[in-house]
Amino acid sequence: MADDGNRLGGRLRRYARVSTTVGGLAARLAGERLFGFDLDRGAHAADLKAALGGLKGPLMKVAQILSTIPEALPDEYVQELAQLQANAPSMGWSFVKRRMRAELGADWQAHFARFEREAAAAASLGQVHFAEGLDGSALACKLQYPDMASAVEADLQQLALIFAIYKRYDGSIDPSGIRGEIADRLREELDYRLEARHMALFADMLSGEAQVHVPRPVADLSTARLLTMSRLEGQPLLNYRDAGQEERNSIALNLFRAWYVPFYRYGVIHGDPHLGNYSVGEDLSLNLLDFGCIRAFPAGFVTGVIDLYHAIANDDRDLAVQAYEGWGFGGLTNEVIDTLNLWASFVYAPLLEDRPRRIQEMSKTGVYGRDVAARVHKRLKELGGVRPPREFVFMDRAAIGLGGVFLHLAAEINWHRLFHDLIDDFDEQALAARQRAAFSRHGVPLPESAS
């Protein structure tokens, strides 16, 4: 197990690999920005995707995250880096045997009736193998790649440098909070025992949703770097893009409930809503498949989300300011408030109309939110920039990712009524009590200001 600690040697090796692989690519981008060099962004973005896919680990995860944060990257980079979510190369059988032996002992294969040699899925921090338990149960085993603790710390240092350069040539968004938030979530993702507790928490929060399913962790076959869980059968969500409207609407409804019931009842979001984290059962029920990136908020944050909805719906400027200030936005001039409200009006638009509609009805780019984000980004830059609270990194990411899934499904739903079913009886103190009770049951730490 020593090869997986946060060791100086591991960090130094990672620094060398990252610097060699990415350094030249970063220099080319800096040359375009600082000295006016001509850069083929499409080719550069493709090179960056190839480099990060080979490196695995946190930088690849950061690239995925940045590709979903509005206006954090140019369109060419978003289109290339978003592919990392689905096309990560897996590691071979020799790694799998070493990992399984280190986690379950030399006789690890005796714990399974069958264990598939080929990975069923591979991502930035680990890969998944299907297996069969001794009792005949269908299992999925998530194995963490080697030396990830060292890789996280090394890559976070690189990320600090990247953000420092970014801030120098583009002051529209102060990325200070973004780095801190990404760092905390990445460190949490390395702890598969915490992910198992998150999984149990979501099963609890969604216990009343018959059309949403959560895997069950298998404690005696799991460790901090191996997570064994029940396998949920289903098809990739995009297989239903050409299904009938009613079927697509049913899937979107289940996804809406899977995401928003935990948020408005418990203050928790599933912070990584890319397509690979869902599958669809034969009855169109929804399977949630990954719980590494979970974000919990104090009850007051959720109150602010609802307050801003009412502020936009009723053109109540004072209530909007109250929501922004409650979240920690500073320097709120009238111009900045108007600009932030442009984004809020877009995000809340489907919820304001009491009629069936698509999540986004007009788009030039075909990417959810990019048109509006570009206008907001340009205006914030003119106004001297803004520093968003760190909570918004994954909240915005999740909202955009979720909207993108609804866009892929071309779902036509009365989002207004779904939303009001969740918020009309909202009570901040009741949410805080439910959160404390559920988190205590599953050993999940409360968000700081909620404790």
Protein backbone atom coordinates (compact mmCIF):
# COMPACT_ATOMS: atom_id res chain seq x y z
CA MET A 1 0.00 0.00 0.00
CA ALA A 2 3.01 2.29 0.34
CA ASP A 3 3.00 3.13 -3.34
CA ASP A 4 -0.32 4.97 -2.94
CA GLY A 5 0.46 7.45 -0.19
CA ASN A 6 0.96 11.18 -0.66
CA ARG A 7 4.74 10.82 -0.94
CA LEU A 8 7.34 13.40 -1.95
CA GLY A 9 8.80 11.05 -4.54
CA GLY A 10 5.40 10.44 -6.07
CA ARG A 11 4.70 14.15 -6.24
CA LEU A 12 8.05 14.87 -7.89
CA ARG A 13 7.49 12.19 -10.52
CA ARG A 14 4.07 13.64 -11.19
CA TYR A 15 5.48 17.17 -11.51
CA ALA A 16 7.94 15.89 -14.11
CA ARG A 17 5.30 14.04 -16.13
CA VAL A 18 2.84 16.92 -16.07
CA SER A 19 5.48 19.53 -16.90
CA THR A 20 6.81 17.48 -19.82
CA THR A 21 3.39 16.61 -21.20
CA VAL A 22 1.46 19.82 -20.65
CA GLY A 23 4.15 22.48 -20.35
CA GLY A 24 4.60 23.00 -24.07
CA LEU A 25 0.85 23.14 -24.62
CA ALA A 26 0.46 25.77 -21.89
CA ALA A 27 3.32 27.81 -23.38
CA ARG A 28 1.57 27.86 -26.77
CA LEU A 29 -1.65 29.15 -25.21
CA ALA A 30 0.23 31.76 -23.18
CA GLY A 31 2.03 32.87 -26.32
CA GLU A 32 -1.27 33.49 -28.08
CA ARG A 33 -2.67 35.44 -25.13
CA LEU A 34 0.39 37.49 -24.17
CA PHE A 35 2.25 37.98 -27.43
CA GLY A 36 -0.40 37.64 -30.12
CA PHE A 37 0.98 34.40 -31.62
CA ASP A 38 -1.34 32.70 -34.09
CA LEU A 39 -2.73 29.52 -32.47
CA ASP A 40 -4.99 26.90 -34.00
CA ARG A 41 -7.24 26.47 -30.95
CA GLY A 42 -9.00 23.40 -32.30
CA ALA A 43 -5.73 21.53 -32.85
CA HIS A 44 -4.33 22.75 -29.56
CA ALA A 45 -7.44 21.61 -27.68
CA ALA A 46 -7.20 18.16 -29.32
CA ASP A 47 -3.55 17.90 -28.27
CA LEU A 48 -4.48 18.89 -24.72
CA LYS A 49 -7.21 16.25 -24.56
CA ALA A 50 -4.80 13.57 -25.78
CA ALA A 51 -2.15 14.62 -23.24
CA LEU A 52 -4.55 14.63 -20.30
CA GLY A 53 -6.14 11.34 -21.29
CA GLY A 54 -2.71 9.70 -21.20
CA LEU A 55 -1.84 11.21 -17.83
CA LYS A 56 -5.04 10.10 -16.08
CA GLY A 57 -5.68 11.39 -12.61
CA PRO A 58 -6.69 14.79 -11.26
CA LEU A 59 -5.69 17.01 -14.19
CA MET A 60 -7.98 14.96 -16.37
CA LYS A 61 -10.75 15.34 -13.78
CA VAL A 62 -10.09 19.11 -13.57
CA ALA A 63 -10.33 19.33 -17.36
CA GLN A 64 -13.72 17.61 -17.19
CA ILE A 65 -14.86 20.06 -14.50
CA LEU A 66 -13.63 23.15 -16.33
CA SER A 67 -15.33 21.99 -19.52
CA THR A 68 -18.69 22.32 -17.75
CA ILE A 69 -18.17 25.62 -15.88
CA PRO A 70 -19.68 28.40 -18.02
CA GLU A 71 -17.02 30.43 -19.86
CA ALA A 72 -14.09 28.94 -17.95
CA LEU A 73 -12.67 27.80 -21.31
CA PRO A 74 -13.15 28.71 -24.99
CA ASP A 75 -15.64 26.61 -26.96
CA GLU A 76 -12.93 24.65 -28.80
CA TYR A 77 -11.55 23.37 -25.51
CA VAL A 78 -14.97 22.56 -24.07
CA GLN A 79 -15.83 20.38 -27.07
CA GLU A 80 -12.58 18.41 -26.86
CA LEU A 81 -12.21 18.09 -23.09
CA ALA A 82 -15.82 17.05 -22.55
CA GLN A 83 -14.95 13.84 -24.43
CA LEU A 84 -12.61 12.84 -21.61
CA GLN A 85 -15.67 11.94 -19.57
CA ALA A 86 -16.52 9.00 -21.78
CA ASN A 87 -13.30 8.01 -23.53
CA ALA A 88 -10.70 7.46 -20.80
CA PRO A 89 -8.33 4.53 -21.52
CA SER A 90 -8.29 1.75 -18.92
CA MET A 91 -5.29 0.13 -17.21
CA GLY A 92 -4.44 -3.51 -17.84
CA TRP A 93 -4.81 -6.77 -15.94
CA SER A 94 -1.46 -6.50 -14.18
CA PHE A 95 -2.64 -3.31 -12.45
CA VAL A 96 -5.97 -4.92 -11.56
CA LYS A 97 -4.29 -7.92 -9.92
CA ARG A 98 -1.92 -5.70 -7.93
CA ARG A 99 -4.74 -3.45 -6.73
CA MET A 100 -7.06 -6.30 -5.77
CA ARG A 101 -4.25 -8.17 -3.98
CA ALA A 102 -3.29 -5.03 -2.04
CA GLU A 103 -6.88 -4.36 -0.96
CA LEU A 104 -8.32 -7.86 -0.32
CA GLY A 105 -5.22 -10.03 0.08
CA ALA A 106 -3.47 -12.66 -2.01
CA ASP A 107 -6.62 -14.81 -2.13
CA TRP A 108 -8.79 -11.96 -3.43
CA GLN A 109 -10.24 -14.06 -6.26
CA ALA A 110 -11.73 -16.45 -3.69
CA HIS A 111 -14.16 -13.67 -2.72
CA PHE A 112 -15.81 -13.77 -6.16
CA ALA A 113 -17.47 -16.43 -8.27
CA ARG A 114 -16.35 -14.47 -11.33
CA PHE A 115 -14.32 -11.31 -11.95
CA GLU A 116 -14.09 -9.80 -15.45
CA ARG A 117 -10.57 -9.03 -16.64
CA GLU A 118 -11.59 -6.17 -18.96
CA ALA A 119 -12.76 -2.89 -17.45
CA ALA A 120 -16.42 -2.07 -18.05
CA ALA A 121 -15.69 1.66 -17.67
CA ALA A 122 -12.66 3.87 -17.06
CA ALA A 123 -12.48 7.45 -15.81
CA SER A 124 -9.94 9.90 -14.46
CA LEU A 125 -9.29 8.45 -10.99
CA GLY A 126 -10.27 4.80 -11.37
CA GLN A 127 -11.93 2.08 -13.44
CA VAL A 128 -14.82 -0.36 -12.95
CA HIS A 129 -14.86 -4.14 -13.39
CA PHE A 130 -17.98 -6.29 -13.30
CA ALA A 131 -17.98 -9.36 -11.05
CA GLU A 132 -20.25 -11.99 -9.51
CA GLY A 133 -20.44 -12.56 -5.77
CA LEU A 134 -20.28 -15.99 -4.16
CA ASP A 135 -24.02 -15.72 -3.59
CA GLY A 136 -24.62 -15.11 -7.30
CA SER A 137 -25.20 -11.36 -6.93
CA ALA A 138 -24.15 -9.04 -9.76
CA LEU A 139 -21.39 -6.69 -8.57
CA ALA A 140 -19.36 -3.74 -9.84
CA CYS A 141 -15.86 -3.12 -8.44
CA LYS A 142 -14.37 0.37 -8.69
CA LEU A 143 -10.55 0.34 -8.46
CA GLN A 144 -8.54 3.50 -7.82
CA TYR A 145 -5.47 4.07 -10.00
CA PRO A 146 -2.06 3.89 -8.28
CA ASP A 147 -0.41 6.86 -6.57
CA MET A 148 -3.48 9.08 -6.86
CA ALA A 149 -2.90 10.90 -3.53
CA SER A 150 0.49 12.14 -4.76
CA ALA A 151 -1.02 12.97 -8.15
CA VAL A 152 -3.79 15.06 -6.58
CA GLU A 153 -1.39 17.21 -4.58
CA ALA A 154 1.02 17.64 -7.48
CA ASP A 155 -1.74 18.52 -9.92
CA LEU A 156 -3.34 20.98 -7.51
CA GLN A 157 -0.03 22.87 -7.45
CA GLN A 158 -0.10 22.97 -11.26
CA LEU A 159 -3.71 24.12 -11.13
CA ALA A 160 -2.77 27.04 -8.87
CA LEU A 161 -0.24 28.19 -11.50
CA ILE A 162 -2.74 27.78 -14.34
CA PHE A 163 -5.35 29.86 -12.50
CA ALA A 164 -2.78 32.54 -11.66
CA ILE A 165 -1.99 32.90 -15.38
CA TYR A 166 -5.70 32.84 -16.25
CA LYS A 167 -6.44 35.65 -13.80
CA ARG A 168 -3.73 37.85 -15.35
CA TYR A 169 -5.21 37.83 -18.84
CA ASP A 170 -8.92 37.53 -18.00
CA GLY A 171 -10.30 39.32 -14.94
CA SER A 172 -14.00 38.61 -15.50
CA ILE A 173 -14.03 35.77 -12.95
CA ASP A 174 -11.71 35.54 -9.95
CA PRO A 175 -10.85 31.79 -9.85
CA SER A 176 -9.55 31.76 -6.26
CA GLY A 177 -12.58 29.99 -4.86
CA ILE A 178 -12.76 27.62 -7.82
CA ARG A 179 -9.36 26.11 -7.02
CA GLY A 180 -10.19 25.63 -3.32
CA GLU A 181 -13.49 23.97 -4.11
CA ILE A 182 -11.99 21.65 -6.72
CA ALA A 183 -9.19 20.73 -4.29
CA ASP A 184 -11.61 19.73 -1.53
CA ARG A 185 -13.80 17.66 -3.83
CA LEU A 186 -10.83 15.88 -5.46
CA ARG A 187 -9.39 14.91 -2.09
CA GLU A 188 -12.78 13.56 -1.06
CA GLU A 189 -13.04 11.52 -4.26
CA LEU A 190 -9.93 9.58 -3.28
CA ASP A 191 -11.70 8.15 -0.21
CA TYR A 192 -13.88 5.30 -1.40
CA ARG A 193 -15.11 4.68 2.14
CA LEU A 194 -16.59 8.18 2.07
CA GLU A 195 -18.10 7.45 -1.34
CA ALA A 196 -19.74 4.33 0.11
CA ARG A 197 -21.29 6.49 2.85
CA HIS A 198 -22.46 8.97 0.20
CA MET A 199 -24.05 6.09 -1.69
CA ALA A 200 -25.94 4.98 1.42
CA LEU A 201 -26.97 8.59 2.08
CA PHE A 202 -28.46 8.92 -1.42
CA ALA A 203 -30.32 5.62 -1.05
CA ASP A 204 -31.82 7.05 2.14
CA MET A 205 -32.71 10.46 0.64
CA LEU A 206 -34.27 8.83 -2.44
CA SER A 207 -36.02 5.97 -0.65
CA GLY A 208 -39.41 7.42 -1.58
CA GLU A 209 -38.59 7.58 -5.30
CA ALA A 210 -39.66 4.26 -6.82
CA GLN A 211 -38.22 5.17 -10.24
CA VAL A 212 -34.71 6.05 -9.01
CA HIS A 213 -32.21 3.37 -7.98
CA VAL A 214 -28.94 3.61 -6.06
CA PRO A 215 -26.34 0.81 -5.77
CA ARG A 216 -25.72 -0.88 -2.43
CA PRO A 217 -22.11 -0.84 -1.18
CA VAL A 218 -20.65 -4.20 -0.12
CA ALA A 219 -18.68 -3.33 3.01
CA ASP A 220 -16.60 -6.52 3.37
CA LEU A 221 -15.35 -6.20 -0.23
CA SER A 222 -14.55 -2.49 -0.04
CA THR A 223 -11.62 -0.41 1.22
CA ALA A 224 -10.42 3.18 0.88
CA ARG A 225 -9.28 2.41 -2.70
CA LEU A 226 -11.68 -0.36 -3.74
CA LEU A 227 -15.44 0.15 -3.78
CA THR A 228 -17.57 -2.92 -4.44
CA MET A 229 -21.28 -2.33 -4.97
CA SER A 230 -24.36 -4.01 -6.34
CA ARG A 231 -24.58 -3.79 -10.11
CA LEU A 232 -27.58 -1.97 -11.57
CA GLU A 233 -28.62 -3.13 -15.03
CA GLY A 234 -29.42 -0.47 -17.59
CA GLN A 235 -28.68 1.12 -20.92
CA PRO A 236 -26.75 4.35 -21.54
CA LEU A 237 -29.02 7.34 -21.34
CA LEU A 238 -28.18 8.50 -24.87
CA ASN A 239 -29.57 5.24 -26.26
CA TYR A 240 -32.98 6.86 -25.70
CA ARG A 241 -32.37 10.01 -27.75
CA ASP A 242 -34.51 8.60 -30.55
CA ALA A 243 -37.19 7.10 -28.30
CA GLY A 244 -40.73 8.44 -28.26
CA GLN A 245 -41.48 11.76 -26.59
CA GLU A 246 -43.33 10.12 -23.71
CA GLU A 247 -40.43 7.79 -22.96
CA ARG A 248 -37.91 10.64 -23.04
CA ASN A 249 -40.13 12.73 -20.80
CA SER A 250 -40.35 9.86 -18.27
CA ILE A 251 -36.57 9.54 -18.12
CA ALA A 252 -36.17 13.31 -17.70
CA LEU A 253 -38.78 13.35 -14.93
CA ASN A 254 -36.91 10.61 -13.06
CA LEU A 255 -33.64 12.49 -13.47
CA PHE A 256 -35.22 15.71 -12.19
CA ARG A 257 -36.46 13.93 -9.08
CA ALA A 258 -33.14 12.11 -8.57
CA TRP A 259 -31.24 15.39 -8.55
CA TYR A 260 -33.61 17.90 -6.97
CA VAL A 261 -35.25 15.87 -4.18
CA PRO A 262 -31.88 15.56 -2.34
CA PHE A 263 -31.18 19.26 -2.87
CA TYR A 264 -34.48 20.78 -1.74
CA ARG A 265 -35.10 18.22 1.02
CA TYR A 266 -31.54 17.72 2.33
CA GLY A 267 -29.28 20.38 0.76
CA VAL A 268 -27.20 17.85 -1.20
CA ILE A 269 -26.30 17.65 -4.89
CA HIS A 270 -24.86 14.94 -7.09
CA GLY A 271 -22.08 17.17 -8.40
CA ASP A 272 -20.94 15.19 -11.46
CA PRO A 273 -23.97 14.95 -13.77
CA HIS A 274 -22.30 13.75 -16.95
CA LEU A 275 -23.96 11.10 -19.06
CA GLY A 276 -21.75 8.22 -17.92
CA ASN A 277 -23.06 8.50 -14.37
CA TYR A 278 -26.59 7.42 -15.31
CA SER A 279 -28.20 4.40 -16.88
CA VAL A 280 -31.82 3.63 -17.71
CA GLY A 281 -33.66 0.44 -16.76
CA GLU A 282 -36.15 -1.44 -18.94
CA ASP A 283 -39.00 0.29 -17.11
CA LEU A 284 -37.38 3.70 -17.81
CA SER A 285 -36.32 4.03 -14.18
CA LEU A 286 -33.04 5.82 -13.54
CA ASN A 287 -29.86 4.36 -12.05
CA LEU A 288 -27.38 6.68 -10.32
CA LEU A 289 -23.90 5.17 -10.68
CA ASP A 290 -21.21 7.38 -9.12
CA PHE A 291 -21.04 9.18 -5.78
CA GLY A 292 -17.48 10.47 -5.64
CA CYS A 293 -18.38 14.12 -6.23
CA ILE A 294 -21.06 15.07 -3.70
CA ARG A 295 -21.60 18.62 -2.43
CA ALA A 296 -23.60 19.43 0.71
CA PHE A 297 -24.85 22.94 1.48
CA PRO A 298 -26.18 24.54 4.66
CA ALA A 299 -29.93 25.08 4.69
CA GLY A 300 -29.50 28.84 4.23
CA PHE A 301 -27.88 28.29 0.84
CA VAL A 302 -30.96 26.42 -0.37
CA THR A 303 -33.15 29.25 0.95
CA GLY A 304 -31.13 31.65 -1.21
CA VAL A 305 -31.75 29.53 -4.32
CA ILE A 306 -35.50 29.68 -3.69
CA ASP A 307 -35.39 33.40 -2.81
CA LEU A 308 -33.62 34.21 -6.06
CA TYR A 309 -36.29 32.27 -7.99
CA HIS A 310 -38.99 34.40 -6.37
CA ALA A 311 -36.92 37.54 -6.98
CA ILE A 312 -36.68 36.79 -10.71
CA ALA A 313 -40.34 35.73 -10.92
CA ASN A 314 -41.57 38.89 -9.17
CA ASP A 315 -38.91 41.35 -10.35
CA ASP A 316 -37.93 41.89 -6.71
CA ARG A 317 -34.48 43.47 -6.83
CA ASP A 318 -34.09 43.72 -3.04
CA LEU A 319 -34.74 39.99 -2.63
CA ALA A 320 -32.19 39.21 -5.35
CA VAL A 321 -29.58 41.31 -3.55
CA GLN A 322 -30.42 39.52 -0.30
CA ALA A 323 -29.85 36.15 -1.98
CA TYR A 324 -26.52 37.17 -3.58
CA GLU A 325 -25.21 38.72 -0.36
CA GLY A 326 -26.35 35.71 1.66
CA TRP A 327 -24.23 33.49 -0.59
CA GLY A 328 -21.17 35.71 -0.18
CA PHE A 329 -21.05 37.77 -3.38
CA GLY A 330 -19.22 41.06 -2.78
CA GLY A 331 -18.98 44.36 -4.66
CA LEU A 332 -22.58 44.23 -5.82
CA THR A 333 -23.03 47.36 -7.88
CA ASN A 334 -26.29 47.83 -9.77
CA GLU A 335 -24.52 46.84 -13.00
CA VAL A 336 -23.12 43.65 -11.47
CA ILE A 337 -26.54 42.73 -10.07
CA ASP A 338 -28.15 43.26 -13.47
CA THR A 339 -25.50 41.05 -15.07
CA LEU A 340 -25.87 38.27 -12.50
CA ASN A 341 -29.62 38.45 -12.99
CA LEU A 342 -29.13 37.75 -16.71
CA TRP A 343 -27.66 34.38 -15.77
CA ALA A 344 -30.26 33.76 -13.05
CA SER A 345 -33.09 34.57 -15.48
CA PHE A 346 -31.71 31.98 -17.89
CA VAL A 347 -31.31 29.26 -15.25
CA TYR A 348 -34.79 29.83 -13.82
CA ALA A 349 -36.56 30.40 -17.16
CA PRO A 350 -37.98 26.86 -17.53
CA LEU A 351 -39.31 27.03 -13.96
CA LEU A 352 -41.15 30.31 -14.47
CA GLU A 353 -43.56 29.15 -17.19
CA ASP A 354 -46.51 26.99 -16.20
CA ARG A 355 -46.54 24.94 -19.40
CA PRO A 356 -44.72 21.95 -20.93
CA ARG A 357 -41.55 23.17 -22.68
CA ARG A 358 -37.99 22.18 -23.46
CA ILE A 359 -35.28 23.12 -20.98
CA GLN A 360 -33.78 25.53 -23.54
CA GLU A 361 -35.80 26.66 -26.53
CA MET A 362 -33.28 28.92 -28.29
CA SER A 363 -29.55 28.23 -28.71
CA LYS A 364 -26.97 29.24 -31.28
CA THR A 365 -24.26 26.87 -30.05
CA GLY A 366 -26.30 23.78 -29.17
CA VAL A 367 -24.50 23.70 -25.80
CA TYR A 368 -26.74 24.37 -22.83
CA GLY A 369 -26.18 27.85 -21.43
CA ARG A 370 -23.20 28.84 -23.59
CA ASP A 371 -24.96 31.70 -25.41
CA VAL A 372 -26.05 33.44 -22.23
CA ALA A 373 -22.81 32.65 -20.42
CA ALA A 374 -20.84 34.36 -23.17
CA ARG A 375 -22.85 37.58 -22.77
CA VAL A 376 -22.55 37.48 -18.97
CA HIS A 377 -18.82 36.79 -19.17
CA LYS A 378 -18.25 39.73 -21.52
CA ARG A 379 -20.23 42.13 -19.34
CA LEU A 380 -18.55 41.05 -16.10
CA LYS A 381 -15.18 41.62 -17.72
CA GLU A 382 -16.22 45.16 -18.65
CA LEU A 383 -17.37 45.78 -15.06
CA GLY A 384 -14.09 44.69 -13.50
CA GLY A 385 -14.96 41.10 -12.65
CA VAL A 386 -16.59 39.22 -9.80
CA ARG A 387 -15.48 36.61 -7.31
CA PRO A 388 -18.19 33.95 -7.02
CA PRO A 389 -18.54 32.03 -3.75
CA ARG A 390 -16.87 28.65 -3.95
CA GLU A 391 -20.19 26.84 -3.44
CA PHE A 392 -21.15 27.88 -6.96
CA VAL A 393 -18.42 25.87 -8.67
CA PHE A 394 -20.27 22.58 -8.43
CA MET A 395 -23.75 24.08 -8.18
CA ASP A 396 -23.28 25.80 -11.55
CA ARG A 397 -21.50 22.78 -12.97
CA ALA A 398 -24.31 20.48 -11.93
CA ALA A 399 -27.04 22.80 -13.23
CA ILE A 400 -25.34 23.10 -16.62
CA GLY A 401 -24.57 19.39 -16.81
CA LEU A 402 -28.13 18.48 -15.89
CA GLY A 403 -29.55 20.97 -18.38
CA GLY A 404 -27.34 19.43 -21.05
CA VAL A 405 -28.79 15.99 -20.35
CA PHE A 406 -32.34 17.35 -20.62
CA LEU A 407 -31.30 19.02 -23.87
CA HIS A 408 -29.99 15.70 -25.25
CA LEU A 409 -33.32 14.06 -24.39
CA ALA A 410 -35.33 16.92 -25.95
CA ALA A 411 -37.70 16.49 -23.02
CA GLU A 412 -40.87 18.60 -22.94
CA ILE A 413 -42.08 18.85 -19.36
CA ASN A 414 -43.89 21.32 -17.13
CA TRP A 415 -40.76 22.13 -15.11
CA HIS A 416 -42.69 24.80 -13.19
CA ARG A 417 -45.01 22.28 -11.55
CA LEU A 418 -42.22 19.80 -10.80
CA PHE A 419 -40.27 22.59 -9.12
CA HIS A 420 -43.21 23.90 -7.08
CA ASP A 421 -43.99 20.38 -5.87
CA LEU A 422 -40.61 20.54 -4.14
CA ILE A 423 -40.48 24.13 -2.87
CA ASP A 424 -44.03 25.09 -1.94
CA ASP A 425 -43.72 23.55 1.54
CA PHE A 426 -40.05 24.49 1.96
CA ASP A 427 -38.93 25.20 5.52
CA GLU A 428 -35.28 26.02 6.22
CA GLN A 429 -35.31 24.66 9.78
CA ALA A 430 -36.99 21.42 8.66
CA LEU A 431 -34.32 20.93 5.97
CA ALA A 432 -31.55 21.51 8.52
CA ALA A 433 -33.11 18.91 10.87
CA ARG A 434 -33.49 16.32 8.06
CA GLN A 435 -29.91 16.96 6.97
CA ARG A 436 -28.47 16.50 10.46
CA ALA A 437 -30.42 13.27 11.00
CA ALA A 438 -29.58 11.69 7.62
CA PHE A 439 -25.91 12.68 7.74
CA SER A 440 -25.60 11.31 11.27
CA ARG A 441 -27.16 7.97 10.25
CA HIS A 442 -24.54 7.45 7.54
CA GLY A 443 -21.48 9.07 9.09
CA VAL A 444 -21.27 11.87 6.51
CA PRO A 445 -19.78 15.17 7.73
CA LEU A 446 -22.10 18.18 7.70
CA PRO A 447 -21.15 21.29 5.71
CA GLU A 448 -19.24 23.61 8.03
CA SER A 449 -21.86 26.30 8.54
CA ALA A 450 -24.54 23.64 9.11
CA SER A 451 -22.70 21.88 11.94
